[in-house]
Each structure stands twice: as C-alpha cells, then as structure tokens.
Protein backbone atom coordinates (compact mmCIF):
# COMPACT_ATOMS: atom_id res chain seq x y z
CA MET A 1 -1.15 95.48 22.80
CA GLN A 2 -0.93 91.76 22.18
CA SER A 3 -3.69 89.82 20.51
CA ALA A 4 -5.50 86.94 22.27
CA SER A 5 -3.53 84.32 20.33
CA GLY A 6 -0.28 86.04 21.20
CA GLN A 7 -1.19 86.13 24.87
CA ARG A 8 -1.92 82.37 24.85
CA GLU A 9 1.41 81.64 23.12
CA SER A 10 3.29 83.76 25.71
CA ALA A 11 1.55 81.96 28.56
CA ALA A 12 2.47 78.59 27.10
CA ASN A 13 6.09 79.63 26.74
CA ARG A 14 6.21 80.79 30.36
CA ARG A 15 4.78 77.46 31.58
CA LEU A 16 7.33 75.57 29.45
CA GLU A 17 10.19 77.64 30.94
CA THR A 18 8.87 77.35 34.50
CA HIS A 19 8.06 73.61 34.68
CA GLY A 20 10.22 72.07 31.96
CA GLY A 21 9.23 70.21 28.79
CA ALA A 22 8.38 66.89 30.45
CA GLU A 23 5.95 68.42 32.94
CA PHE A 24 4.31 70.52 30.27
CA LEU A 25 3.93 67.46 27.97
CA ALA A 26 2.31 65.46 30.78
CA LYS A 27 -0.19 68.25 31.43
CA LEU A 28 -0.83 68.60 27.71
CA VAL A 29 -1.75 64.89 27.20
CA ALA A 30 -3.53 64.49 30.54
CA PRO A 31 -7.02 65.28 29.17
CA THR A 32 -6.59 62.61 26.47
CA LEU A 33 -5.40 59.96 28.94
CA VAL A 34 -8.22 60.77 31.34
CA SER A 35 -10.80 60.55 28.56
CA LEU A 36 -9.35 57.19 27.45
CA PHE A 37 -9.08 55.55 30.85
CA GLY A 38 -11.57 57.61 32.88
CA GLY A 39 -9.49 57.05 35.99
CA LYS A 40 -9.10 59.43 38.93
CA VAL A 41 -5.64 57.94 39.45
CA LEU A 42 -4.40 59.51 36.24
CA SER A 43 -5.65 62.93 37.30
CA ILE A 44 -3.81 62.71 40.61
CA PHE A 45 -0.68 61.41 38.86
CA VAL A 46 -0.60 64.28 36.36
CA ALA A 47 -1.22 66.89 39.10
CA ARG A 48 1.72 65.60 41.10
CA TYR A 49 3.99 64.76 38.20
CA GLY A 50 5.92 68.01 38.53
CA ASP A 51 6.82 67.21 42.15
CA LEU A 52 8.49 63.90 41.26
CA SER A 53 12.24 63.55 41.16
CA THR A 54 14.16 63.07 37.92
CA ASP A 55 14.75 59.38 38.66
CA TRP A 56 11.05 58.70 39.10
CA LYS A 57 10.21 60.57 35.93
CA THR A 58 12.80 58.52 34.00
CA ALA A 59 11.41 55.27 35.39
CA ILE A 60 7.88 56.27 34.48
CA TRP A 61 8.87 57.13 30.92
CA LEU A 62 10.73 53.81 30.55
CA LEU A 63 7.67 51.94 31.80
CA ALA A 64 5.42 53.88 29.44
CA SER A 65 7.76 53.17 26.52
CA GLY A 66 7.73 49.43 27.34
CA LEU A 67 3.95 49.37 27.50
CA LEU A 68 3.69 51.19 24.18
CA PHE A 69 6.16 48.74 22.55
CA TYR A 70 4.22 45.75 23.89
CA LEU A 71 1.01 47.30 22.56
CA TYR A 72 2.66 47.76 19.15
CA VAL A 73 3.85 44.14 18.98
CA TRP A 74 0.43 42.82 20.07
CA VAL A 75 -1.45 44.88 17.48
CA ARG A 76 0.97 43.87 14.73
CA SER A 77 0.63 40.17 15.56
CA LYS A 78 -3.15 40.48 15.29
CA LEU A 79 -2.96 42.28 11.97
CA THR A 80 -0.42 39.89 10.43
CA ARG A 81 -2.10 36.66 11.57
CA ARG A 82 -2.88 34.46 8.54
CA LEU A 83 -6.49 34.20 7.66
CA PRO A 84 -7.80 30.66 7.11
CA GLU A 85 -7.46 29.58 3.50
CA THR A 86 -10.55 29.00 1.46
CA PRO A 87 -10.83 25.24 0.76
CA LYS A 88 -10.28 24.23 -2.86
CA LEU A 89 -13.07 21.69 -2.75
CA VAL A 90 -16.48 23.37 -3.10
CA ILE A 91 -19.73 21.39 -3.01
CA HIS A 92 -22.40 23.07 -5.14
CA ARG A 93 -25.17 20.50 -4.91
CA ALA A 94 -25.62 16.94 -3.64
CA VAL A 95 -28.68 14.69 -3.62
CA TYR A 96 -29.23 11.12 -2.45
CA GLY A 97 -32.07 8.91 -3.61
CA ALA A 98 -33.54 6.92 -6.47
CA GLY A 99 -34.50 9.70 -8.88
CA PRO A 100 -36.16 13.14 -8.90
CA GLN A 101 -39.31 11.81 -7.25
CA ALA A 102 -37.47 9.98 -4.47
CA GLU A 103 -34.36 11.89 -3.44
CA LEU A 104 -33.23 14.16 -0.61
CA LEU A 105 -30.87 17.13 -0.66
CA VAL A 106 -27.65 16.42 1.28
CA THR A 107 -25.61 19.45 0.21
CA ASP A 108 -25.32 20.95 3.70
CA LYS A 109 -24.35 17.66 5.30
CA ILE A 110 -21.52 17.09 2.84
CA LYS A 111 -20.38 20.72 3.07
CA ASN A 112 -19.94 20.24 6.82
CA MET A 113 -17.43 17.48 6.04
CA LEU A 114 -15.37 19.78 3.83
CA ARG A 115 -11.65 19.37 3.48
CA ASP A 116 -9.35 19.66 0.47
CA ALA A 117 -10.15 15.99 -0.05
CA LEU A 118 -13.22 14.12 1.10
CA VAL A 119 -14.27 10.48 1.43
CA ILE A 120 -18.05 10.07 1.58
CA PRO A 121 -19.64 6.73 2.57
CA VAL A 122 -22.54 6.15 0.17
CA ASP A 123 -25.35 4.76 2.32
CA ASN A 124 -28.57 5.71 4.13
CA ASN A 125 -26.62 7.46 6.91
CA LEU A 126 -26.50 10.52 4.64
CA VAL A 127 -30.23 11.15 5.11
CA PRO A 128 -32.60 11.16 8.09
CA THR A 129 -35.05 8.80 6.35
CA ASP A 130 -34.81 6.37 3.46
CA PRO A 131 -36.11 8.28 0.40
CA ALA A 132 -36.95 5.11 -1.56
CA TRP A 133 -37.45 2.00 0.53
CA GLY A 134 -36.35 -1.20 -1.17
CA VAL A 135 -34.87 0.62 -4.18
CA ARG A 136 -31.14 0.95 -4.86
CA LYS A 137 -30.24 4.60 -4.47
CA ARG A 138 -27.54 6.87 -5.86
CA LEU A 139 -25.50 9.83 -4.63
CA ASP A 140 -25.14 12.63 -7.19
CA VAL A 141 -22.67 15.43 -6.41
CA GLU A 142 -21.78 18.61 -8.28
CA TYR A 143 -18.47 20.08 -7.12
CA SER A 144 -15.51 22.16 -8.19
CA TYR A 145 -11.88 21.93 -7.15
CA GLY A 146 -9.58 24.92 -7.34
CA SER A 147 -11.43 26.41 -10.32
CA ASP A 148 -14.87 27.50 -11.51
CA THR A 149 -15.38 24.31 -13.52
CA VAL A 150 -18.29 22.33 -12.06
CA LEU A 151 -17.82 18.56 -12.18
CA ARG A 152 -20.55 15.97 -11.77
CA VAL A 153 -20.05 12.54 -10.27
CA SER A 154 -22.38 9.72 -9.15
CA ARG A 155 -21.94 6.65 -6.98
CA GLN A 156 -24.52 3.91 -6.40
CA GLU A 157 -25.57 2.55 -3.04
CA PRO A 158 -23.63 -0.70 -2.34
CA LEU A 159 -25.22 -4.11 -2.47
CA SER A 160 -25.64 -6.10 0.72
CA GLY A 161 -22.28 -6.93 2.25
CA GLU A 162 -20.39 -4.39 0.11
CA ILE A 163 -18.98 -0.92 0.87
CA SER A 164 -19.26 2.06 -1.45
CA ARG A 165 -17.39 5.33 -1.03
CA LEU A 166 -17.09 8.49 -3.09
CA LEU A 167 -13.69 10.18 -3.15
CA LEU A 168 -13.62 13.90 -3.92
CA PRO A 169 -11.87 15.18 -5.88
CA GLU A 170 -11.89 12.14 -8.16
CA ASP A 171 -8.55 10.87 -9.45
CA THR A 172 -8.39 12.17 -13.00
CA GLU A 173 -6.26 9.17 -13.94
CA LEU A 174 -9.05 6.68 -13.23
CA PRO A 175 -11.16 7.36 -16.33
CA ARG A 176 -8.04 7.25 -18.52
CA LEU A 177 -6.87 3.98 -16.97
CA LYS A 178 -10.32 2.44 -17.46
CA ASP A 179 -10.22 3.44 -21.12
CA ASP A 180 -6.72 1.98 -21.48
CA ILE A 181 -7.80 -1.32 -19.91
CA ALA A 182 -10.82 -1.54 -22.22
CA ARG A 183 -8.65 -0.78 -25.25
CA LEU A 184 -5.99 -3.36 -24.33
CA THR A 185 -8.64 -5.98 -23.60
CA GLN A 186 -10.10 -5.44 -27.05
CA GLN A 187 -6.64 -5.67 -28.65
CA VAL A 188 -5.97 -9.00 -26.91
CA ALA A 189 -9.34 -10.30 -28.07
CA ASP A 190 -8.61 -9.20 -31.65
CA LEU A 191 -5.18 -10.88 -31.59
CA ALA A 192 -6.67 -14.07 -30.19
CA ALA A 193 -9.29 -14.09 -32.94
CA LEU A 194 -6.62 -13.60 -35.62
CA SER A 195 -4.37 -16.29 -34.16
CA GLN A 196 -7.12 -18.88 -34.53
CA ASP A 197 -6.68 -18.75 -38.29
CA ASP A 198 -2.87 -18.48 -38.31
CA PRO A 199 -1.34 -21.68 -39.83
CA LEU A 200 1.77 -21.42 -37.64
CA CYS A 201 -0.37 -21.05 -34.55
CA LYS A 202 -2.36 -24.13 -35.53
CA GLU A 203 0.84 -26.11 -35.96
CA LEU A 204 2.16 -25.02 -32.57
CA LYS A 205 -1.12 -25.96 -30.95
CA ALA A 206 -0.92 -29.40 -32.54
CA ILE A 207 2.64 -29.86 -31.19
CA ALA A 208 1.55 -28.76 -27.72
CA GLU A 209 -1.39 -31.15 -27.74
CA SER A 210 0.88 -34.01 -28.82
CA ASP A 211 3.45 -33.16 -26.14
CA ALA A 212 0.72 -33.01 -23.51
CA ARG A 213 -0.45 -36.54 -24.42
CA LYS A 214 3.10 -37.95 -24.42
CA ILE A 215 4.64 -35.75 -21.76
CA THR A 216 6.51 -38.56 -19.97
CA GLU A 217 8.21 -39.37 -23.27
CA ARG A 218 8.97 -35.72 -24.08
CA VAL A 219 10.59 -35.24 -20.67
CA ARG A 220 13.40 -37.75 -20.92
CA HIS A 221 14.84 -39.04 -17.69
CA SER A 222 17.60 -41.45 -16.83
CA THR A 223 19.16 -42.61 -13.59
CA LYS A 224 22.54 -40.97 -13.35
CA ARG A 225 23.69 -42.89 -10.26
CA ILE A 226 22.52 -44.43 -6.98
CA ASP A 227 24.39 -43.65 -3.76
CA PHE A 228 24.22 -45.85 -0.66
CA ASP A 229 25.17 -44.03 2.54
CA TYR A 230 25.72 -46.75 5.13
CA SER A 231 27.14 -45.62 8.45
CA LEU A 232 26.50 -46.43 12.08
CA ALA A 233 27.25 -42.80 13.01
CA SER A 234 24.53 -41.24 10.82
CA ASP A 235 21.18 -41.99 9.21
CA SER A 236 21.64 -44.47 6.40
CA HIS A 237 19.87 -43.75 3.15
CA LEU A 238 19.67 -44.38 -0.58
CA ASP A 239 19.98 -41.45 -3.02
CA VAL A 240 18.68 -41.96 -6.55
CA ILE A 241 19.88 -39.10 -8.79
CA ILE A 242 17.72 -38.75 -11.90
CA GLU A 243 18.78 -36.53 -14.81
CA LEU A 244 16.02 -34.88 -16.83
CA LEU A 245 15.88 -33.34 -20.31
CA ASN A 246 12.84 -31.32 -21.33
CA MET A 247 12.12 -31.96 -25.02
CA SER A 248 8.55 -30.63 -24.88
CA VAL A 249 7.29 -27.15 -25.77
CA PHE A 250 6.18 -26.69 -22.18
CA GLU A 251 7.92 -25.17 -19.20
CA ILE A 252 8.33 -27.93 -16.60
CA THR A 253 8.35 -27.21 -12.85
CA SER A 254 8.37 -29.22 -9.62
CA SER A 255 8.28 -28.20 -5.97
CA GLY A 256 9.37 -31.65 -4.78
CA ARG A 257 5.96 -33.15 -3.98
CA ILE A 258 6.31 -36.92 -3.96
CA ASP A 259 4.08 -39.93 -3.21
CA GLY A 260 4.36 -43.69 -3.13
CA HIS A 261 6.64 -46.07 -1.18
CA THR A 262 9.86 -47.96 -1.84
CA ARG A 263 9.87 -51.75 -1.66
CA TYR A 264 12.80 -54.05 -0.83
CA GLY A 265 12.34 -57.73 -1.61
CA GLY A 266 8.61 -57.07 -2.02
CA GLN A 267 8.29 -55.51 1.43
CA GLN A 268 7.41 -51.83 1.84
CA LEU A 269 10.12 -49.85 3.59
CA TYR A 270 9.30 -47.77 6.62
CA GLY A 271 9.37 -44.02 6.03
CA ASN A 272 8.33 -41.90 3.07
CA PRO A 273 10.86 -40.99 0.36
CA GLU A 274 11.78 -37.33 -0.22
CA ALA A 275 12.54 -35.39 -3.40
CA HIS A 276 15.15 -32.61 -3.60
CA ASN A 277 17.27 -30.86 -6.17
CA GLU A 278 20.17 -30.02 -3.83
CA PRO A 279 22.84 -32.43 -2.60
CA ASP A 280 22.80 -31.01 0.93
CA LEU A 281 19.50 -32.09 2.42
CA PRO A 282 17.11 -31.04 3.70
CA GLY A 283 16.51 -27.85 1.75
CA PRO A 284 14.00 -26.08 -0.47
CA THR A 285 13.13 -27.86 -3.68
CA PHE A 286 12.25 -26.20 -6.95
CA VAL A 287 13.06 -27.52 -10.39
CA ARG A 288 12.29 -25.44 -13.50
CA MET A 289 13.18 -26.36 -17.06
CA GLU A 290 12.39 -24.56 -20.28
CA HIS A 291 12.33 -26.34 -23.62
CA GLY A 292 15.73 -28.00 -24.24
CA GLU A 293 17.02 -27.54 -20.69
CA TYR A 294 18.47 -30.17 -18.32
CA GLY A 295 17.56 -30.68 -14.69
CA THR A 296 18.28 -33.01 -11.79
CA ILE A 297 16.06 -34.47 -9.11
CA ARG A 298 17.23 -36.54 -6.14
CA ILE A 299 14.97 -39.14 -4.48
CA ARG A 300 16.15 -40.03 -0.99
CA GLN A 301 14.94 -43.05 0.94
CA PHE A 302 16.00 -43.21 4.59
CA LEU A 303 16.80 -46.66 5.97
CA SER A 304 16.69 -48.14 9.44
CA PRO A 305 20.04 -49.55 10.69
CA GLN A 306 18.68 -53.10 10.43
CA VAL A 307 17.49 -52.67 6.81
CA ALA A 308 20.70 -50.93 5.74
CA GLU A 309 22.79 -53.73 7.26
CA GLN A 310 20.61 -56.39 5.61
CA MET A 311 20.92 -54.68 2.21
CA TRP A 312 24.71 -54.58 2.49
CA ILE A 313 25.03 -58.18 3.67
CA ASN A 314 22.78 -59.40 0.82
CA LYS A 315 24.42 -57.14 -1.72
CA GLY A 316 25.24 -59.88 -4.25
CA ARG A 317 21.95 -61.78 -4.08
CA GLY A 318 20.09 -59.56 -6.58
CA ILE A 319 17.23 -58.58 -4.24
CA ALA A 320 15.16 -55.89 -5.97
CA ILE A 321 14.79 -52.38 -4.59
CA ASP A 322 11.69 -51.05 -6.31
CA MET A 323 10.96 -47.28 -6.61
CA SER A 324 8.71 -47.67 -9.64
CA PHE A 325 5.75 -46.69 -7.47
CA VAL A 326 7.48 -43.53 -6.17
CA GLY A 327 6.44 -40.54 -8.27
CA VAL A 328 7.71 -36.93 -8.21
CA ALA A 329 4.99 -34.48 -9.29
CA PHE A 330 5.72 -32.03 -12.14
CA ARG A 331 3.54 -29.43 -13.86
CA THR A 332 3.48 -28.25 -17.46
CA HIS A 333 2.96 -24.59 -18.33
CA LEU A 334 2.43 -22.84 -21.64
CA ASP A 335 0.69 -19.51 -22.22
CA GLY A 336 -2.77 -20.08 -23.57
CA LYS A 337 -2.87 -23.72 -22.42
CA THR A 338 -4.21 -25.27 -19.24
CA ASP A 339 -1.52 -26.50 -16.84
CA HIS A 340 -1.34 -30.26 -16.37
CA GLU A 341 0.32 -32.43 -13.75
CA PHE A 342 2.36 -35.57 -14.42
CA ARG A 343 4.86 -37.72 -12.52
CA ILE A 344 8.38 -38.95 -13.03
CA PHE A 345 8.79 -42.36 -11.36
CA GLY A 346 11.87 -43.85 -9.78
CA PRO A 347 13.80 -46.91 -11.07
CA ARG A 348 13.91 -50.55 -10.10
CA PHE A 349 17.43 -51.72 -9.20
CA THR A 350 19.54 -53.99 -6.99
CA MET A 351 22.39 -53.36 -4.61
CA ASP A 352 24.79 -54.28 -7.42
CA ASP A 353 23.86 -50.89 -9.01
CA VAL A 354 24.66 -48.75 -6.00
CA VAL A 355 27.83 -46.93 -4.96
CA ARG A 356 28.57 -46.83 -1.25
CA THR A 357 29.50 -43.36 -0.01
C-alpha cells in the first residue's frame, strides 16, 4: 500500500505523461501568475492552454521570453543608474551683518546655490531685511571643499558704486601672490633707499640732470641733405633729411608729431609740414634711439605748383626758406626719471642748398 506522498508523486507523473511537460508547467505556475496579476484572463488562458496547437504554444513562449528579457533590461538599467554625486563644496555656516548683535543667518540661502564652485554677490539681497542700517556689513562663511577641513572667509559689503563678490572655493594662489607682491614691494623700497646713498648712483643722477637741461645739445642733429621734388605730374615738395645722434643717457623717441610752419621769403607757406622716418610717404612714424645710436627724421613740406615754379625760377637769388620754426616733438625716457618733451627744429636754407629729384 502506497503512502500519501507516494500517491501524490504517482499522480503528478501520470499528469506529466498525459498532458506533456509544457502543459503541466503552465498549470503548476498558474496560481502564482493569478496571485500576481489577479486577472480572470490568466485563469481562462491556463485552463485552455492544453488545447492550443504547438505553433501557438511556441509563439506564447517566445512572447513570454521577450517580456521577461525586457523586464530584466529595465530592472538592470534602474539598478545601475548613477546616483548624483555629493558636491565637494559644503557650506557649514554663513552670516551677513555688522557683528554678532546685528547679523542674520544666511546658511540655507547659500546652500541652495550650491555647486562645486560658487560666486556670491555680497549685498543686502542675501537677507530679507537690512540687519544694520547705515553700517557697512560683512559676509562670513565657513565652508569645506573636498575634505573635512573647515575654512573661514569674509568679504565686506561694497561701497557705493562698487561690486563685491565672494568666490568659493577661494583660489589658494591668491594669498601667496599677495604675500609675494608685498615682499617684492618692500625689496624695491629697500633698494631705492640704498641707492640714494650710492656714490655711483649720485653721479648718474647728476649726468641725467645735466643731459635733461641740455638735451638739444646732447641729441646732435645735422641736415644730411635737402631734396626738391618738382614735377607737373605729381605733388611738388621739399624733403629735409635730418640725421640724429643720441649722446644723452636717455632713450629718445618720437611718433612724428610736428608743429610750426615753413616760410619762403618771409611768407608762410600753405599747408602744414609732416615728419616721417621712412622715404616712402605717407607711413607710420616712430623713431627710437638708445644712448649712442643714430636716427633719421624727414620733414616734408608740400608745395603748390605756383610756389614750386617760383622757387625754381628764383633759384639763384638766395631767397631764404625758413624751417627754424618747424619743430618735431621728441620725448626722453630713463627709469626712475620723469619723461620730458623737447623739439628738434628744421634748418634755414636757400634753393642753392637743394638737390632736385
């Protein structure tokens, strides 16, 4: 006589042989599916599953496999989704005001701005009401960045017309650079104080002061040549080429600024003269000469056809062409000395001194 467990096992084997493994599996999992979905449709489907053809059963199992795979992928994507990173910048405490008796807590407001870096305008917009009317206030912040070390920083409310911002985290190079600037400033001051008593420095200063007083003598200049371009096909003009030699201790520069007028036979010529350092005019002008260097400046005076013709006809009569009132502006430069401006003036000559080109 079989036991109860043996009888149940025999019955299960008979159902497996009668209906096949697929039908038996469907009936075995049916209670679970019904409890999960609670649908009457599933009950009907399981009851009639054994009557379906093999093709339908295969299609159903393929569909079920696809749904299970989709469910697997969906669950995995949810589980592997990256959690938001904790920001490195953490605000521990922030107050705005004019001292313990007149300040407001603004920690929450600044925390709501949080990023890995933060720019905070320092003004009364941080607080609902002014904690200290008429008094210059200050923002004090305690924060950490990527570690447990708590840093403290303060920034004052700006003056009228100014803007004040607090950058968190602070650039760690700023304090070092400020210290370097202070140190270098002190070194320069110390060197300047020592140089006041240096005999050589005193002598150089005396030379510079002498050169400044006699700068037009220290910058020697001579007229190299005078060209007369006389042609009916182009603008006639006079070119006075002046050669310069800087014998001063200064650096000499000119950007070609010129003033004054040329006179012919005592009459002022029409048109302003121009100063250049290039033969092909017009062009940019810049002359720079260190101590002991040569330079050239060209003063050009354009002439009307009538004046040019008159000059050429009266060439041998010794009528003066006077540029002694035409001055080209130069500047002196020497470290530690104030820059000064001086002028190099043109020559006085006649048409016997010119070369027609």
